[in-house]
Amino acid sequence: MKNKDYILIVYAIIALINLVGEAIEQPVLIWLSKPLLMPMLLFWYLWQSKRQNINPKLSIVSALIFSFLGDVFLLPKDSELFFMFGLSSFLYAQVAYIFTFSKNIRIKEVNKFFLLLVVSLFSIASLILFFALYPHLGDYKIPVIIYGSIVSLMGITAILQKPFVQSNSFKYSFTGALLFIISDSIIGIDKFIFHQELLFADVAIMLFYILGQFLIIKGLLLRK
């Protein structure tokens, strides 16, 4: 078995421990496993970069580092201050992924109808979610608008790269970005509408997040 498989096995074990901890609401398992997820994925990315003889991208490394910080800040469930720190950390991670995706896009070569369709679909989806959350946001209206806009832009850049990267790279990275967006959406719905009492929300959030981050990195590694 190759070394990369050992790293992914460890990542999968940590992920399983975290999901079990979320499912049975066991804080010890959650606090022990969640901070290890992104460092392990970063280790795998750096190892794969070395094996493929490519230079690790600073934007990808920083996205995983700030995702790790976001994971840590969101561990306390009842701290609004740490929630804002976590939101800010993930905001940076999203921006870093936008930068990474957009480097491959030659905007003048993008089909204008395709561009309009993609922007429209993500904008409509974001507006539907925002207006569903709006009555419950209180002082979070502006932060949610900013974060939602950045998340939508990540999705848009993830799909616009399609004509400019290898097929498998696009499939993995776009699917990962979509899962990441779904995870973030569930966070907003659970926190603001259901006041963190939505059944199995934490399990769904982490499942989509863990898979999403992995698929993004796998897709980015397939680029030449």
C-alpha atoms as a PDB file:
ATOM      1  CA  MET A   1       0.000   0.000   0.000  1.00  0.00           C
ATOM      2  CA  LYS A   2       1.316   3.429  -0.940  1.00  0.00           C
ATOM      3  CA  ASN A   3       2.129   6.027   1.672  1.00  0.00           C
ATOM      4  CA  LYS A   4      -0.624   8.273   0.438  1.00  0.00           C
ATOM      5  CA  ASP A   5      -3.154   5.586   1.312  1.00  0.00           C
ATOM      6  CA  TYR A   6      -1.945   5.474   4.904  1.00  0.00           C
ATOM      7  CA  ILE A   7      -2.459   9.209   5.237  1.00  0.00           C
ATOM      8  CA  LEU A   8      -5.968   8.988   3.794  1.00  0.00           C
ATOM      9  CA  ILE A   9      -6.796   6.058   6.059  1.00  0.00           C
ATOM     10  CA  VAL A  10      -5.824   8.173   9.069  1.00  0.00           C
ATOM     11  CA  TYR A  11      -7.910  11.049   7.694  1.00  0.00           C
ATOM     12  CA  ALA A  12     -10.875   8.693   7.240  1.00  0.00           C
ATOM     13  CA  ILE A  13     -10.494   7.312  10.784  1.00  0.00           C
ATOM     14  CA  ILE A  14     -10.369  10.825  12.262  1.00  0.00           C
ATOM     15  CA  ALA A  15     -13.409  11.762  10.162  1.00  0.00           C
ATOM     16  CA  LEU A  16     -15.316   8.688  11.372  1.00  0.00           C
ATOM     17  CA  ILE A  17     -14.485   9.471  15.004  1.00  0.00           C
ATOM     18  CA  ASN A  18     -15.738  13.013  14.491  1.00  0.00           C
ATOM     19  CA  LEU A  19     -18.976  11.907  12.825  1.00  0.00           C
ATOM     20  CA  VAL A  20     -19.650   9.384  15.579  1.00  0.00           C
ATOM     21  CA  GLY A  21     -18.940  12.073  18.165  1.00  0.00           C
ATOM     22  CA  GLU A  22     -21.390  14.428  16.447  1.00  0.00           C
ATOM     23  CA  ALA A  23     -24.023  11.685  16.153  1.00  0.00           C
ATOM     24  CA  ILE A  24     -23.907  10.705  19.828  1.00  0.00           C
ATOM     25  CA  GLU A  25     -23.157  14.282  20.979  1.00  0.00           C
ATOM     26  CA  GLN A  26     -19.926  13.298  22.699  1.00  0.00           C
ATOM     27  CA  PRO A  27     -17.815  16.465  23.140  1.00  0.00           C
ATOM     28  CA  VAL A  28     -14.599  14.558  23.914  1.00  0.00           C
ATOM     29  CA  LEU A  29     -14.633  12.779  20.554  1.00  0.00           C
ATOM     30  CA  ILE A  30     -15.509  16.006  18.741  1.00  0.00           C
ATOM     31  CA  TRP A  31     -12.853  18.129  20.424  1.00  0.00           C
ATOM     32  CA  LEU A  32     -10.176  15.472  19.903  1.00  0.00           C
ATOM     33  CA  SER A  33     -10.931  14.767  16.241  1.00  0.00           C
ATOM     34  CA  LYS A  34     -12.116  17.996  14.620  1.00  0.00           C
ATOM     35  CA  PRO A  35      -8.842  19.970  15.016  1.00  0.00           C
ATOM     36  CA  LEU A  36      -6.921  17.090  13.379  1.00  0.00           C
ATOM     37  CA  LEU A  37      -8.905  16.939  10.133  1.00  0.00           C
ATOM     38  CA  MET A  38      -7.411  19.836   8.173  1.00  0.00           C
ATOM     39  CA  PRO A  39      -3.810  19.312   9.372  1.00  0.00           C
ATOM     40  CA  MET A  40      -4.042  15.714   8.133  1.00  0.00           C
ATOM     41  CA  LEU A  41      -5.477  16.845   4.800  1.00  0.00           C
ATOM     42  CA  LEU A  42      -2.728  19.472   4.539  1.00  0.00           C
ATOM     43  CA  PHE A  43      -0.118  16.778   5.236  1.00  0.00           C
ATOM     44  CA  TRP A  44      -1.616  14.674   2.447  1.00  0.00           C
ATOM     45  CA  TYR A  45      -1.596  17.636   0.044  1.00  0.00           C
ATOM     46  CA  LEU A  46       2.056  18.437   0.797  1.00  0.00           C
ATOM     47  CA  TRP A  47       3.029  14.760   0.484  1.00  0.00           C
ATOM     48  CA  GLN A  48       1.247  14.425  -2.845  1.00  0.00           C
ATOM     49  CA  SER A  49       2.826  17.640  -4.104  1.00  0.00           C
ATOM     50  CA  LYS A  50       6.238  16.226  -3.276  1.00  0.00           C
ATOM     51  CA  ARG A  51       5.472  12.899  -4.971  1.00  0.00           C
ATOM     52  CA  GLN A  52       4.269  14.676  -8.105  1.00  0.00           C
ATOM     53  CA  ASN A  53       7.243  17.034  -8.045  1.00  0.00           C
ATOM     54  CA  ILE A  54       5.074  20.140  -7.972  1.00  0.00           C
ATOM     55  CA  ASN A  55       5.355  23.191  -5.751  1.00  0.00           C
ATOM     56  CA  PRO A  56       2.590  23.433  -3.126  1.00  0.00           C
ATOM     57  CA  LYS A  57       0.330  26.390  -3.798  1.00  0.00           C
ATOM     58  CA  LEU A  58       0.303  28.990  -1.032  1.00  0.00           C
ATOM     59  CA  SER A  59      -3.403  29.654  -1.622  1.00  0.00           C
ATOM     60  CA  ILE A  60      -4.265  25.986  -1.030  1.00  0.00           C
ATOM     61  CA  VAL A  61      -2.030  25.703   2.039  1.00  0.00           C
ATOM     62  CA  SER A  62      -3.524  28.873   3.515  1.00  0.00           C
ATOM     63  CA  ALA A  63      -7.091  27.691   2.749  1.00  0.00           C
ATOM     64  CA  LEU A  64      -6.472  24.539   4.782  1.00  0.00           C
ATOM     65  CA  ILE A  65      -4.756  26.429   7.603  1.00  0.00           C
ATOM     66  CA  PHE A  66      -7.622  28.897   7.929  1.00  0.00           C
ATOM     67  CA  SER A  67     -10.132  26.043   7.654  1.00  0.00           C
ATOM     68  CA  PHE A  68      -8.322  24.466  10.618  1.00  0.00           C
ATOM     69  CA  LEU A  69      -8.657  27.745  12.526  1.00  0.00           C
ATOM     70  CA  GLY A  70     -12.342  27.879  11.612  1.00  0.00           C
ATOM     71  CA  ASP A  71     -12.833  24.350  12.919  1.00  0.00           C
ATOM     72  CA  VAL A  72     -11.191  25.274  16.222  1.00  0.00           C
ATOM     73  CA  PHE A  73     -13.124  28.525  16.637  1.00  0.00           C
ATOM     74  CA  LEU A  74     -16.446  26.763  15.988  1.00  0.00           C
ATOM     75  CA  LEU A  75     -15.866  24.098  18.642  1.00  0.00           C
ATOM     76  CA  PRO A  76     -17.591  26.150  21.397  1.00  0.00           C
ATOM     77  CA  LYS A  77     -21.280  25.978  20.476  1.00  0.00           C
ATOM     78  CA  ASP A  78     -22.468  28.888  22.605  1.00  0.00           C
ATOM     79  CA  SER A  79     -19.885  31.598  21.880  1.00  0.00           C
ATOM     80  CA  GLU A  80     -20.955  34.324  19.466  1.00  0.00           C
ATOM     81  CA  LEU A  81     -17.434  35.789  19.498  1.00  0.00           C
ATOM     82  CA  PHE A  82     -15.841  32.506  18.466  1.00  0.00           C
ATOM     83  CA  PHE A  83     -18.570  32.029  15.856  1.00  0.00           C
ATOM     84  CA  MET A  84     -17.501  35.319  14.247  1.00  0.00           C
ATOM     85  CA  PHE A  85     -13.837  34.251  14.413  1.00  0.00           C
ATOM     86  CA  GLY A  86     -14.794  30.974  12.762  1.00  0.00           C
ATOM     87  CA  LEU A  87     -16.851  32.760  10.108  1.00  0.00           C
ATOM     88  CA  SER A  88     -13.905  35.055   9.345  1.00  0.00           C
ATOM     89  CA  SER A  89     -11.496  32.117   9.096  1.00  0.00           C
ATOM     90  CA  PHE A  90     -13.715  30.241   6.672  1.00  0.00           C
ATOM     91  CA  LEU A  91     -14.280  33.458   4.740  1.00  0.00           C
ATOM     92  CA  TYR A  92     -10.547  33.614   4.108  1.00  0.00           C
ATOM     93  CA  ALA A  93     -10.481  29.934   3.129  1.00  0.00           C
ATOM     94  CA  GLN A  94     -13.244  30.565   0.596  1.00  0.00           C
ATOM     95  CA  VAL A  95     -11.356  33.542  -0.844  1.00  0.00           C
ATOM     96  CA  ALA A  96      -8.225  31.401  -1.143  1.00  0.00           C
ATOM     97  CA  TYR A  97     -10.166  28.765  -3.084  1.00  0.00           C
ATOM     98  CA  ILE A  98     -11.684  31.479  -5.305  1.00  0.00           C
ATOM     99  CA  PHE A  99      -8.173  32.685  -6.087  1.00  0.00           C
ATOM    100  CA  THR A 100      -7.038  29.122  -6.834  1.00  0.00           C
ATOM    101  CA  PHE A 101      -9.970  28.333  -9.120  1.00  0.00           C
ATOM    102  CA  SER A 102      -9.903  31.676 -10.925  1.00  0.00           C
ATOM    103  CA  LYS A 103      -6.226  31.350 -11.883  1.00  0.00           C
ATOM    104  CA  ASN A 104      -7.285  28.788 -14.500  1.00  0.00           C
ATOM    105  CA  ILE A 105     -10.176  30.822 -15.924  1.00  0.00           C
ATOM    106  CA  ARG A 106      -9.687  32.861 -19.076  1.00  0.00           C
ATOM    107  CA  ILE A 107     -12.783  34.975 -18.722  1.00  0.00           C
ATOM    108  CA  LYS A 108     -12.734  36.275 -22.317  1.00  0.00           C
ATOM    109  CA  GLU A 109     -13.049  32.681 -23.528  1.00  0.00           C
ATOM    110  CA  VAL A 110     -16.010  31.796 -21.319  1.00  0.00           C
ATOM    111  CA  ASN A 111     -19.294  31.375 -23.180  1.00  0.00           C
ATOM    112  CA  LYS A 112     -21.399  34.413 -22.226  1.00  0.00           C
ATOM    113  CA  PHE A 113     -24.649  32.439 -21.971  1.00  0.00           C
ATOM    114  CA  PHE A 114     -22.912  29.877 -19.739  1.00  0.00           C
ATOM    115  CA  LEU A 115     -21.529  32.692 -17.565  1.00  0.00           C
ATOM    116  CA  LEU A 116     -24.952  34.321 -17.241  1.00  0.00           C
ATOM    117  CA  LEU A 117     -26.600  30.987 -16.430  1.00  0.00           C
ATOM    118  CA  VAL A 118     -24.056  30.084 -13.739  1.00  0.00           C
ATOM    119  CA  VAL A 119     -24.149  33.509 -12.075  1.00  0.00           C
ATOM    120  CA  SER A 120     -27.966  33.541 -12.197  1.00  0.00           C
ATOM    121  CA  LEU A 121     -28.345  30.088 -10.658  1.00  0.00           C
ATOM    122  CA  PHE A 122     -25.971  30.769  -7.786  1.00  0.00           C
ATOM    123  CA  SER A 123     -27.465  34.228  -7.209  1.00  0.00           C
ATOM    124  CA  ILE A 124     -31.015  32.859  -7.080  1.00  0.00           C
ATOM    125  CA  ALA A 125     -30.013  30.050  -4.721  1.00  0.00           C
ATOM    126  CA  SER A 126     -28.203  32.531  -2.450  1.00  0.00           C
ATOM    127  CA  LEU A 127     -31.150  34.927  -2.403  1.00  0.00           C
ATOM    128  CA  ILE A 128     -33.611  32.149  -1.560  1.00  0.00           C
ATOM    129  CA  LEU A 129     -31.455  31.071   1.375  1.00  0.00           C
ATOM    130  CA  PHE A 130     -30.845  34.650   2.515  1.00  0.00           C
ATOM    131  CA  PHE A 131     -34.533  35.594   2.551  1.00  0.00           C
ATOM    132  CA  ALA A 132     -35.312  32.366   4.419  1.00  0.00           C
ATOM    133  CA  LEU A 133     -32.715  33.332   7.037  1.00  0.00           C
ATOM    134  CA  TYR A 134     -33.429  37.086   7.043  1.00  0.00           C
ATOM    135  CA  PRO A 135     -36.117  37.223   9.802  1.00  0.00           C
ATOM    136  CA  HIS A 136     -33.771  35.335  12.130  1.00  0.00           C
ATOM    137  CA  LEU A 137     -30.441  37.072  11.466  1.00  0.00           C
ATOM    138  CA  GLY A 138     -30.585  40.039  13.844  1.00  0.00           C
ATOM    139  CA  ASP A 139     -27.149  41.677  13.929  1.00  0.00           C
ATOM    140  CA  TYR A 140     -25.750  39.060  11.530  1.00  0.00           C
ATOM    141  CA  LYS A 141     -27.387  40.469   8.384  1.00  0.00           C
ATOM    142  CA  ILE A 142     -24.288  42.180   6.992  1.00  0.00           C
ATOM    143  CA  PRO A 143     -21.854  39.331   7.868  1.00  0.00           C
ATOM    144  CA  VAL A 144     -24.202  36.790   6.289  1.00  0.00           C
ATOM    145  CA  ILE A 145     -24.557  38.897   3.128  1.00  0.00           C
ATOM    146  CA  ILE A 146     -20.774  39.150   2.820  1.00  0.00           C
ATOM    147  CA  TYR A 147     -20.171  35.484   3.573  1.00  0.00           C
ATOM    148  CA  GLY A 148     -22.980  34.320   1.289  1.00  0.00           C
ATOM    149  CA  SER A 149     -21.618  36.418  -1.569  1.00  0.00           C
ATOM    150  CA  ILE A 150     -18.136  34.960  -1.152  1.00  0.00           C
ATOM    151  CA  VAL A 151     -19.476  31.401  -0.939  1.00  0.00           C
ATOM    152  CA  SER A 152     -21.487  31.946  -4.122  1.00  0.00           C
ATOM    153  CA  LEU A 153     -18.419  33.337  -5.865  1.00  0.00           C
ATOM    154  CA  MET A 154     -16.470  30.235  -4.883  1.00  0.00           C
ATOM    155  CA  GLY A 155     -19.152  28.083  -6.492  1.00  0.00           C
ATOM    156  CA  ILE A 156     -19.183  30.258  -9.599  1.00  0.00           C
ATOM    157  CA  THR A 157     -15.404  30.134 -10.063  1.00  0.00           C
ATOM    158  CA  ALA A 158     -15.403  26.392  -9.353  1.00  0.00           C
ATOM    159  CA  ILE A 159     -17.760  25.745 -12.274  1.00  0.00           C
ATOM    160  CA  LEU A 160     -16.338  28.370 -14.663  1.00  0.00           C
ATOM    161  CA  GLN A 161     -12.982  26.583 -14.621  1.00  0.00           C
ATOM    162  CA  LYS A 162     -14.558  23.620 -16.440  1.00  0.00           C
ATOM    163  CA  PRO A 163     -13.277  24.355 -19.975  1.00  0.00           C
ATOM    164  CA  PHE A 164      -9.751  25.129 -18.762  1.00  0.00           C
ATOM    165  CA  VAL A 165      -8.772  22.171 -16.567  1.00  0.00           C
ATOM    166  CA  GLN A 166      -8.674  18.404 -16.902  1.00  0.00           C
ATOM    167  CA  SER A 167     -12.051  16.683 -16.664  1.00  0.00           C
ATOM    168  CA  ASN A 168     -11.321  14.784 -13.443  1.00  0.00           C
ATOM    169  CA  SER A 169      -9.821  17.868 -11.816  1.00  0.00           C
ATOM    170  CA  PHE A 170     -12.993  19.794 -12.548  1.00  0.00           C
ATOM    171  CA  LYS A 171     -15.320  16.995 -11.392  1.00  0.00           C
ATOM    172  CA  TYR A 172     -13.575  16.559  -8.058  1.00  0.00           C
ATOM    173  CA  SER A 173     -12.982  20.232  -7.264  1.00  0.00           C
ATOM    174  CA  PHE A 174     -16.446  21.406  -8.314  1.00  0.00           C
ATOM    175  CA  THR A 175     -18.179  18.586  -6.420  1.00  0.00           C
ATOM    176  CA  GLY A 176     -16.059  19.422  -3.386  1.00  0.00           C
ATOM    177  CA  ALA A 177     -16.912  23.115  -3.611  1.00  0.00           C
ATOM    178  CA  LEU A 178     -20.609  22.262  -3.908  1.00  0.00           C
ATOM    179  CA  LEU A 179     -20.464  20.038  -0.816  1.00  0.00           C
ATOM    180  CA  PHE A 180     -18.621  22.793   1.070  1.00  0.00           C
ATOM    181  CA  ILE A 181     -21.404  25.225   0.127  1.00  0.00           C
ATOM    182  CA  ILE A 182     -24.074  22.768   1.282  1.00  0.00           C
ATOM    183  CA  SER A 183     -22.250  22.372   4.613  1.00  0.00           C
ATOM    184  CA  ASP A 184     -22.142  26.150   5.102  1.00  0.00           C
ATOM    185  CA  SER A 185     -25.823  26.432   4.184  1.00  0.00           C
ATOM    186  CA  ILE A 186     -26.808  23.864   6.791  1.00  0.00           C
ATOM    187  CA  ILE A 187     -24.791  25.768   9.392  1.00  0.00           C
ATOM    188  CA  GLY A 188     -26.807  28.904   8.660  1.00  0.00           C
ATOM    189  CA  ILE A 189     -30.155  27.093   8.669  1.00  0.00           C
ATOM    190  CA  ASP A 190     -29.346  25.241  11.890  1.00  0.00           C
ATOM    191  CA  LYS A 191     -27.994  28.279  13.751  1.00  0.00           C
ATOM    192  CA  PHE A 192     -30.441  30.977  12.737  1.00  0.00           C
ATOM    193  CA  ILE A 193     -33.700  29.134  12.069  1.00  0.00           C
ATOM    194  CA  PHE A 194     -33.500  26.069  14.335  1.00  0.00           C
ATOM    195  CA  HIS A 195     -31.213  27.562  17.017  1.00  0.00           C
ATOM    196  CA  GLN A 196     -28.801  24.614  16.748  1.00  0.00           C
ATOM    197  CA  GLU A 197     -31.531  22.067  17.394  1.00  0.00           C
ATOM    198  CA  LEU A 198     -31.977  20.699  13.853  1.00  0.00           C
ATOM    199  CA  LEU A 199     -31.856  16.900  14.010  1.00  0.00           C
ATOM    200  CA  PHE A 200     -28.509  15.477  12.827  1.00  0.00           C
ATOM    201  CA  ALA A 201     -27.461  18.899  11.513  1.00  0.00           C
ATOM    202  CA  ASP A 202     -23.957  18.616  12.978  1.00  0.00           C
ATOM    203  CA  VAL A 203     -23.451  15.204  11.374  1.00  0.00           C
ATOM    204  CA  ALA A 204     -24.584  16.504   7.981  1.00  0.00           C
ATOM    205  CA  ILE A 205     -22.453  19.644   8.315  1.00  0.00           C
ATOM    206  CA  MET A 206     -19.299  17.684   9.058  1.00  0.00           C
ATOM    207  CA  LEU A 207     -19.973  14.945   6.508  1.00  0.00           C
ATOM    208  CA  PHE A 208     -20.377  17.412   3.640  1.00  0.00           C
ATOM    209  CA  TYR A 209     -17.451  19.492   4.923  1.00  0.00           C
ATOM    210  CA  ILE A 210     -15.053  16.558   5.291  1.00  0.00           C
ATOM    211  CA  LEU A 211     -15.894  15.166   1.844  1.00  0.00           C
ATOM    212  CA  GLY A 212     -15.956  18.620   0.286  1.00  0.00           C
ATOM    213  CA  GLN A 213     -12.512  19.628   1.480  1.00  0.00           C
ATOM    214  CA  PHE A 214     -11.020  16.300   0.438  1.00  0.00           C
ATOM    215  CA  LEU A 215     -12.537  16.446  -3.058  1.00  0.00           C
ATOM    216  CA  ILE A 216     -11.392  20.035  -3.591  1.00  0.00           C
ATOM    217  CA  ILE A 217      -7.801  19.113  -2.710  1.00  0.00           C
ATOM    218  CA  LYS A 218      -7.929  15.912  -4.778  1.00  0.00           C
ATOM    219  CA  GLY A 219      -9.188  17.872  -7.766  1.00  0.00           C
ATOM    220  CA  LEU A 220      -6.540  20.567  -7.395  1.00  0.00           C
ATOM    221  CA  LEU A 221      -3.810  17.939  -7.205  1.00  0.00           C
ATOM    222  CA  LEU A 222      -4.862  16.606 -10.613  1.00  0.00           C
ATOM    223  CA  ARG A 223      -3.937  19.868 -12.300  1.00  0.00           C
ATOM    224  CA  LYS A 224      -0.719  20.043 -14.260  1.00  0.00           C
END
